[in-house]
Amino acid sequence: MARPGLYLVGLLAGIGFTMSIFIATLALQDGNLLSAAKLSCFWPPPWRQSSDWPEEFSTQSA
């Protein structure tokens, strides 16, 4: 991937992340639910495993 394309993907991911936090703040009044929504933006889904990553992105040595 070329460097400009990588910057664009990073910019769009940052906008999407910010909007998800913003919408959660507007939608949820309960502090516990808001905390759970913010944490879920950082936490990977349980079905996602490190073995799903391509070999070049893996941090585990074989």
PDB file of N, CA and C in Angstrom:
ATOM      1  N   MET A   1       0.853  -1.171   0.000  1.00  0.00           N
ATOM      2  CA  MET A   1       0.000   0.000   0.000  1.00  0.00           C
ATOM      3  C   MET A   1       0.897   1.231   0.000  1.00  0.00           C
ATOM      4  N   ALA A   2       0.566   2.186  -0.840  1.00  0.00           N
ATOM      5  CA  ALA A   2       1.348   3.411  -0.929  1.00  0.00           C
ATOM      6  C   ALA A   2       1.111   4.275   0.305  1.00  0.00           C
ATOM      7  N   ARG A   3       2.075   5.109   0.602  1.00  0.00           N
ATOM      8  CA  ARG A   3       1.999   5.945   1.799  1.00  0.00           C
ATOM      9  C   ARG A   3       0.778   6.870   1.816  1.00  0.00           C
ATOM     10  N   PRO A   4       0.403   7.537   0.728  1.00  0.00           N
ATOM     11  CA  PRO A   4      -0.812   8.374   0.774  1.00  0.00           C
ATOM     12  C   PRO A   4      -2.071   7.567   1.079  1.00  0.00           C
ATOM     13  N   GLY A   5      -2.154   6.356   0.554  1.00  0.00           N
ATOM     14  CA  GLY A   5      -3.296   5.503   0.841  1.00  0.00           C
ATOM     15  C   GLY A   5      -3.343   5.104   2.307  1.00  0.00           C
ATOM     16  N   LEU A   6      -2.179   4.851   2.880  1.00  0.00           N
ATOM     17  CA  LEU A   6      -2.107   4.507   4.289  1.00  0.00           C
ATOM     18  C   LEU A   6      -2.545   5.682   5.162  1.00  0.00           C
ATOM     19  N   TYR A   7      -2.147   6.890   4.786  1.00  0.00           N
ATOM     20  CA  TYR A   7      -2.583   8.083   5.527  1.00  0.00           C
ATOM     21  C   TYR A   7      -4.098   8.256   5.438  1.00  0.00           C
ATOM     22  N   LEU A   8      -4.657   8.004   4.283  1.00  0.00           N
ATOM     23  CA  LEU A   8      -6.097   8.136   4.101  1.00  0.00           C
ATOM     24  C   LEU A   8      -6.859   7.117   4.949  1.00  0.00           C
ATOM     25  N   VAL A   9      -6.383   5.888   4.980  1.00  0.00           N
ATOM     26  CA  VAL A   9      -7.022   4.863   5.799  1.00  0.00           C
ATOM     27  C   VAL A   9      -6.934   5.240   7.276  1.00  0.00           C
ATOM     28  N   GLY A  10      -5.804   5.737   7.714  1.00  0.00           N
ATOM     29  CA  GLY A  10      -5.656   6.176   9.097  1.00  0.00           C
ATOM     30  C   GLY A  10      -6.574   7.334   9.438  1.00  0.00           C
ATOM     31  N   LEU A  11      -6.711   8.272   8.515  1.00  0.00           N
ATOM     32  CA  LEU A  11      -7.601   9.418   8.731  1.00  0.00           C
ATOM     33  C   LEU A  11      -9.053   8.968   8.843  1.00  0.00           C
ATOM     34  N   LEU A  12      -9.488   8.091   7.958  1.00  0.00           N
ATOM     35  CA  LEU A  12     -10.865   7.608   7.999  1.00  0.00           C
ATOM     36  C   LEU A  12     -11.129   6.769   9.240  1.00  0.00           C
ATOM     37  N   ALA A  13     -10.158   5.983   9.661  1.00  0.00           N
ATOM     38  CA  ALA A  13     -10.330   5.194  10.888  1.00  0.00           C
ATOM     39  C   ALA A  13     -10.433   6.106  12.101  1.00  0.00           C
ATOM     40  N   GLY A  14      -9.648   7.163  12.132  1.00  0.00           N
ATOM     41  CA  GLY A  14      -9.722   8.114  13.234  1.00  0.00           C
ATOM     42  C   GLY A  14     -11.056   8.838  13.284  1.00  0.00           C
ATOM     43  N   ILE A  15     -11.585   9.204  12.137  1.00  0.00           N
ATOM     44  CA  ILE A  15     -12.899   9.857  12.086  1.00  0.00           C
ATOM     45  C   ILE A  15     -13.983   8.893  12.554  1.00  0.00           C
ATOM     46  N   GLY A  16     -13.939   7.656  12.105  1.00  0.00           N
ATOM     47  CA  GLY A  16     -14.927   6.670  12.521  1.00  0.00           C
ATOM     48  C   GLY A  16     -14.865   6.391  14.013  1.00  0.00           C
ATOM     49  N   PHE A  17     -13.669   6.292  14.555  1.00  0.00           N
ATOM     50  CA  PHE A  17     -13.501   6.070  15.990  1.00  0.00           C
ATOM     51  C   PHE A  17     -14.065   7.247  16.781  1.00  0.00           C
ATOM     52  N   THR A  18     -13.750   8.465  16.366  1.00  0.00           N
ATOM     53  CA  THR A  18     -14.237   9.657  17.061  1.00  0.00           C
ATOM     54  C   THR A  18     -15.753   9.748  16.995  1.00  0.00           C
ATOM     55  N   MET A  19     -16.336   9.439  15.856  1.00  0.00           N
ATOM     56  CA  MET A  19     -17.793   9.503  15.724  1.00  0.00           C
ATOM     57  C   MET A  19     -18.477   8.441  16.580  1.00  0.00           C
ATOM     58  N   SER A  20     -17.887   7.272  16.712  1.00  0.00           N
ATOM     59  CA  SER A  20     -18.506   6.245  17.553  1.00  0.00           C
ATOM     60  C   SER A  20     -18.518   6.668  19.013  1.00  0.00           C
ATOM     61  N   ILE A  21     -17.453   7.301  19.479  1.00  0.00           N
ATOM     62  CA  ILE A  21     -17.424   7.819  20.850  1.00  0.00           C
ATOM     63  C   ILE A  21     -18.439   8.948  21.007  1.00  0.00           C
ATOM     64  N   PHE A  22     -18.520   9.831  20.036  1.00  0.00           N
ATOM     65  CA  PHE A  22     -19.438  10.972  20.090  1.00  0.00           C
ATOM     66  C   PHE A  22     -20.898  10.504  20.136  1.00  0.00           C
ATOM     67  N   ILE A  23     -21.255   9.562  19.289  1.00  0.00           N
ATOM     68  CA  ILE A  23     -22.632   9.062  19.249  1.00  0.00           C
ATOM     69  C   ILE A  23     -22.964   8.312  20.539  1.00  0.00           C
ATOM     70  N   ALA A  24     -22.009   7.558  21.066  1.00  0.00           N
ATOM     71  CA  ALA A  24     -22.249   6.861  22.335  1.00  0.00           C
ATOM     72  C   ALA A  24     -22.478   7.862  23.460  1.00  0.00           C
ATOM     73  N   THR A  25     -21.740   8.969  23.461  1.00  0.00           N
ATOM     74  CA  THR A  25     -21.913   9.998  24.484  1.00  0.00           C
ATOM     75  C   THR A  25     -23.294  10.638  24.388  1.00  0.00           C
ATOM     76  N   LEU A  26     -23.773  10.859  23.178  1.00  0.00           N
ATOM     77  CA  LEU A  26     -25.103  11.445  23.007  1.00  0.00           C
ATOM     78  C   LEU A  26     -26.216  10.459  23.347  1.00  0.00           C
ATOM     79  N   ALA A  27     -26.015   9.196  23.043  1.00  0.00           N
ATOM     80  CA  ALA A  27     -27.096   8.219  23.169  1.00  0.00           C
ATOM     81  C   ALA A  27     -27.238   7.644  24.570  1.00  0.00           C
ATOM     82  N   LEU A  28     -26.141   7.545  25.297  1.00  0.00           N
ATOM     83  CA  LEU A  28     -26.174   6.842  26.583  1.00  0.00           C
ATOM     84  C   LEU A  28     -26.011   7.822  27.738  1.00  0.00           C
ATOM     85  N   GLN A  29     -26.965   7.803  28.648  1.00  0.00           N
ATOM     86  CA  GLN A  29     -26.909   8.675  29.817  1.00  0.00           C
ATOM     87  C   GLN A  29     -26.316   7.961  31.033  1.00  0.00           C
ATOM     88  N   ASP A  30     -26.511   6.649  31.099  1.00  0.00           N
ATOM     89  CA  ASP A  30     -25.986   5.870  32.220  1.00  0.00           C
ATOM     90  C   ASP A  30     -24.464   5.773  32.119  1.00  0.00           C
ATOM     91  N   GLY A  31     -23.779   6.093  33.187  1.00  0.00           N
ATOM     92  CA  GLY A  31     -22.317   6.083  33.186  1.00  0.00           C
ATOM     93  C   GLY A  31     -21.720   4.721  32.912  1.00  0.00           C
ATOM     94  N   ASN A  32     -22.357   3.665  33.439  1.00  0.00           N
ATOM     95  CA  ASN A  32     -21.841   2.316  33.216  1.00  0.00           C
ATOM     96  C   ASN A  32     -21.964   1.905  31.752  1.00  0.00           C
ATOM     97  N   LEU A  33     -23.095   2.220  31.142  1.00  0.00           N
ATOM     98  CA  LEU A  33     -23.270   1.886  29.722  1.00  0.00           C
ATOM     99  C   LEU A  33     -22.316   2.685  28.845  1.00  0.00           C
ATOM    100  N   LEU A  34     -22.119   3.953  29.190  1.00  0.00           N
ATOM    101  CA  LEU A  34     -21.196   4.784  28.410  1.00  0.00           C
ATOM    102  C   LEU A  34     -19.770   4.261  28.523  1.00  0.00           C
ATOM    103  N   SER A  35     -19.381   3.859  29.710  1.00  0.00           N
ATOM    104  CA  SER A  35     -18.043   3.285  29.889  1.00  0.00           C
ATOM    105  C   SER A  35     -17.883   1.993  29.095  1.00  0.00           C
ATOM    106  N   ALA A  36     -18.910   1.160  29.096  1.00  0.00           N
ATOM    107  CA  ALA A  36     -18.859  -0.083  28.330  1.00  0.00           C
ATOM    108  C   ALA A  36     -18.772   0.195  26.832  1.00  0.00           C
ATOM    109  N   ALA A  37     -19.493   1.207  26.358  1.00  0.00           N
ATOM    110  CA  ALA A  37     -19.450   1.546  24.929  1.00  0.00           C
ATOM    111  C   ALA A  37     -18.076   2.075  24.538  1.00  0.00           C
ATOM    112  N   LYS A  38     -17.481   2.891  25.384  1.00  0.00           N
ATOM    113  CA  LYS A  38     -16.149   3.421  25.083  1.00  0.00           C
ATOM    114  C   LYS A  38     -15.100   2.315  25.119  1.00  0.00           C
ATOM    115  N   LEU A  39     -15.216   1.415  26.077  1.00  0.00           N
ATOM    116  CA  LEU A  39     -14.268   0.311  26.161  1.00  0.00           C
ATOM    117  C   LEU A  39     -14.389  -0.615  24.963  1.00  0.00           C
ATOM    118  N   SER A  40     -15.607  -0.811  24.476  1.00  0.00           N
ATOM    119  CA  SER A  40     -15.799  -1.710  23.335  1.00  0.00           C
ATOM    120  C   SER A  40     -15.183  -1.155  22.054  1.00  0.00           C
ATOM    121  N   CYS A  41     -14.924   0.141  22.002  1.00  0.00           N
ATOM    122  CA  CYS A  41     -14.237   0.711  20.839  1.00  0.00           C
ATOM    123  C   CYS A  41     -12.780   0.262  20.791  1.00  0.00           C
ATOM    124  N   PHE A  42     -12.206  -0.027  21.958  1.00  0.00           N
ATOM    125  CA  PHE A  42     -10.805  -0.446  22.021  1.00  0.00           C
ATOM    126  C   PHE A  42     -10.632  -1.952  22.019  1.00  0.00           C
ATOM    127  N   TRP A  43     -11.588  -2.665  22.589  1.00  0.00           N
ATOM    128  CA  TRP A  43     -11.465  -4.104  22.789  1.00  0.00           C
ATOM    129  C   TRP A  43     -11.836  -4.848  21.516  1.00  0.00           C
ATOM    130  N   PRO A  44     -11.041  -5.813  21.095  1.00  0.00           N
ATOM    131  CA  PRO A  44     -11.418  -6.585  19.892  1.00  0.00           C
ATOM    132  C   PRO A  44     -12.565  -7.536  20.200  1.00  0.00           C
ATOM    133  N   PRO A  45     -13.347  -7.888  19.204  1.00  0.00           N
ATOM    134  CA  PRO A  45     -14.444  -8.832  19.429  1.00  0.00           C
ATOM    135  C   PRO A  45     -13.892 -10.201  19.826  1.00  0.00           C
ATOM    136  N   PRO A  46     -14.662 -10.981  20.581  1.00  0.00           N
ATOM    137  CA  PRO A  46     -14.144 -12.267  21.071  1.00  0.00           C
ATOM    138  C   PRO A  46     -13.852 -13.277  19.968  1.00  0.00           C
ATOM    139  N   TRP A  47     -14.492 -13.153  18.824  1.00  0.00           N
ATOM    140  CA  TRP A  47     -14.237 -14.111  17.747  1.00  0.00           C
ATOM    141  C   TRP A  47     -12.970 -13.766  16.969  1.00  0.00           C
ATOM    142  N   ARG A  48     -12.401 -12.615  17.228  1.00  0.00           N
ATOM    143  CA  ARG A  48     -11.166 -12.206  16.556  1.00  0.00           C
ATOM    144  C   ARG A  48      -9.977 -12.776  17.312  1.00  0.00           C
ATOM    145  N   GLN A  49      -9.152 -13.548  16.650  1.00  0.00           N
ATOM    146  CA  GLN A  49      -7.997 -14.157  17.293  1.00  0.00           C
ATOM    147  C   GLN A  49      -6.731 -13.677  16.620  1.00  0.00           C
ATOM    148  N   SER A  50      -5.644 -13.753  17.357  1.00  0.00           N
ATOM    149  CA  SER A  50      -4.377 -13.290  16.799  1.00  0.00           C
ATOM    150  C   SER A  50      -3.956 -14.128  15.592  1.00  0.00           C
ATOM    151  N   SER A  51      -4.474 -15.350  15.484  1.00  0.00           N
ATOM    152  CA  SER A  51      -4.124 -16.195  14.342  1.00  0.00           C
ATOM    153  C   SER A  51      -4.770 -15.695  13.046  1.00  0.00           C
ATOM    154  N   ASP A  52      -5.733 -14.758  13.152  1.00  0.00           N
ATOM    155  CA  ASP A  52      -6.364 -14.204  11.961  1.00  0.00           C
ATOM    156  C   ASP A  52      -5.479 -13.183  11.261  1.00  0.00           C
ATOM    157  N   TRP A  53      -4.465 -12.672  11.962  1.00  0.00           N
ATOM    158  CA  TRP A  53      -3.591 -11.651  11.378  1.00  0.00           C
ATOM    159  C   TRP A  53      -2.694 -12.275  10.324  1.00  0.00           C
ATOM    160  N   PRO A  54      -2.377 -11.512   9.285  1.00  0.00           N
ATOM    161  CA  PRO A  54      -1.409 -12.019   8.309  1.00  0.00           C
ATOM    162  C   PRO A  54      -0.048 -12.248   8.976  1.00  0.00           C
ATOM    163  N   GLU A  55       0.750 -13.091   8.405  1.00  0.00           N
ATOM    164  CA  GLU A  55       2.029 -13.480   8.983  1.00  0.00           C
ATOM    165  C   GLU A  55       2.943 -12.275   9.251  1.00  0.00           C
ATOM    166  N   GLU A  56       2.965 -11.300   8.366  1.00  0.00           N
ATOM    167  CA  GLU A  56       3.875 -10.178   8.534  1.00  0.00           C
ATOM    168  C   GLU A  56       3.486  -9.250   9.675  1.00  0.00           C
ATOM    169  N   PHE A  57       2.237  -9.345  10.166  1.00  0.00           N
ATOM    170  CA  PHE A  57       1.798  -8.492  11.266  1.00  0.00           C
ATOM    171  C   PHE A  57       1.834  -9.222  12.603  1.00  0.00           C
ATOM    172  N   SER A  58       2.182 -10.489  12.587  1.00  0.00           N
ATOM    173  CA  SER A  58       2.177 -11.273  13.804  1.00  0.00           C
ATOM    174  C   SER A  58       3.362 -10.886  14.687  1.00  0.00           C
ATOM    175  N   THR A  59       3.103 -10.749  15.990  1.00  0.00           N
ATOM    176  CA  THR A  59       4.178 -10.427  16.936  1.00  0.00           C
ATOM    177  C   THR A  59       4.693 -11.668  17.632  1.00  0.00           C
ATOM    178  N   GLN A  60       4.038 -12.792  17.416  1.00  0.00           N
ATOM    179  CA  GLN A  60       4.477 -14.031  18.057  1.00  0.00           C
ATOM    180  C   GLN A  60       5.477 -14.732  17.148  1.00  0.00           C
ATOM    181  N   SER A  61       6.528 -15.231  17.758  1.00  0.00           N
ATOM    182  CA  SER A  61       7.497 -15.966  16.952  1.00  0.00           C
ATOM    183  C   SER A  61       7.062 -17.418  16.850  1.00  0.00           C
ATOM    184  N   ALA A  62       7.339 -18.015  15.712  1.00  0.00           N
ATOM    185  CA  ALA A  62       6.898 -19.389  15.462  1.00  0.00           C
ATOM    186  C   ALA A  62       7.843 -20.383  16.105  1.00  0.00           C
TER     187      ALA A  62
END
